């Protein structure tokens, strides 16, 4: 199980892995890869690796596509 800090860190990036996306969604590894293969979890192929765009993952969770970050002056 992820802590809130770990979840927030994953959801703050641009992309994540299928296993981490599965953890955020509360599903196991096998189910995460199966969901990615059938398109339930959106992925982009980078060679043989499947990458999950975080904005799409955030959308699945009903969150805004981007986190609010402060811009340093």
Protein backbone atom coordinates (compact mmCIF):
# COMPACT_ATOMS: atom_id res chain seq x y z
CA UNK A 1 0.00 0.00 0.00
CA UNK A 2 1.24 3.49 -0.85
CA UNK A 3 1.53 6.32 1.60
CA UNK A 4 -0.09 9.62 0.65
CA UNK A 5 3.38 11.07 0.10
CA UNK A 6 4.32 8.26 -2.32
CA UNK A 7 1.01 8.63 -4.17
CA UNK A 8 1.47 12.39 -4.46
CA UNK A 9 5.04 11.93 -5.73
CA UNK A 10 3.89 9.50 -8.44
CA UNK A 11 1.02 11.79 -9.48
CA UNK A 12 3.33 14.83 -9.68
CA UNK A 13 5.50 13.39 -12.46
CA UNK A 14 4.94 13.39 -16.21
CA UNK A 15 4.93 9.61 -16.57
CA UNK A 16 5.01 6.52 -14.41
CA UNK A 17 5.33 2.78 -14.79
CA UNK A 18 2.47 0.30 -15.10
CA UNK A 19 3.26 -1.26 -11.68
CA UNK A 20 3.17 2.15 -9.95
CA UNK A 21 0.00 3.15 -11.79
CA UNK A 22 -1.54 -0.10 -10.57
CA UNK A 23 -0.57 0.71 -6.99
CA UNK A 24 -2.13 4.17 -7.27
CA UNK A 25 -5.30 2.56 -8.65
CA UNK A 26 -5.28 -0.08 -5.92
CA UNK A 27 -4.87 -3.08 -8.22
CA UNK A 28 -2.23 -5.80 -8.38
CA UNK A 29 0.61 -6.16 -10.81
CA UNK A 30 -1.03 -8.75 -13.08
CA UNK A 31 -4.28 -6.78 -13.26
CA UNK A 32 -2.33 -3.56 -13.97
CA UNK A 33 -0.52 -5.11 -16.95
CA UNK A 34 -3.71 -6.74 -18.18
CA UNK A 35 -5.55 -3.39 -17.93
CA UNK A 36 -2.71 -1.66 -19.78
CA UNK A 37 -2.74 -4.28 -22.56
CA UNK A 38 -6.48 -3.84 -23.19
CA UNK A 39 -6.37 -0.03 -22.94
CA UNK A 40 -8.10 0.43 -19.58
CA UNK A 41 -4.92 2.08 -18.32
CA UNK A 42 -3.64 4.43 -21.04
CA UNK A 43 -0.04 3.77 -22.04
CA UNK A 44 2.57 4.92 -24.52
CA UNK A 45 5.10 2.43 -25.88
CA UNK A 46 8.80 3.22 -25.51
CA UNK A 47 10.35 0.26 -27.28
CA UNK A 48 9.15 -2.74 -25.28
CA UNK A 49 8.30 -0.67 -22.21
CA UNK A 50 4.81 0.65 -21.49
CA UNK A 51 4.77 4.13 -19.94
CA UNK A 52 1.67 5.61 -18.29
CA UNK A 53 1.12 9.36 -18.87
CA UNK A 54 0.34 10.79 -15.42
CA UNK A 55 -2.22 13.35 -16.69
CA UNK A 56 -4.31 10.44 -18.05
CA UNK A 57 -3.89 8.54 -14.77
CA UNK A 58 -4.97 11.63 -12.82
CA UNK A 59 -8.00 11.92 -15.12
CA UNK A 60 -8.94 8.30 -14.33
CA UNK A 61 -8.87 9.24 -10.64
CA UNK A 62 -11.06 12.31 -11.18
CA UNK A 63 -8.18 14.70 -10.48
CA UNK A 64 -7.11 17.73 -12.54
CA UNK A 65 -4.56 16.72 -15.19
CA UNK A 66 -1.72 18.72 -13.63
CA UNK A 67 -0.64 19.50 -10.11
CA UNK A 68 -0.47 23.10 -8.98
CA UNK A 69 3.18 24.01 -8.49
CA UNK A 70 4.72 27.26 -7.40
CA UNK A 71 6.99 28.95 -9.92
CA UNK A 72 10.25 30.18 -8.43
CA UNK A 73 11.07 33.78 -9.27
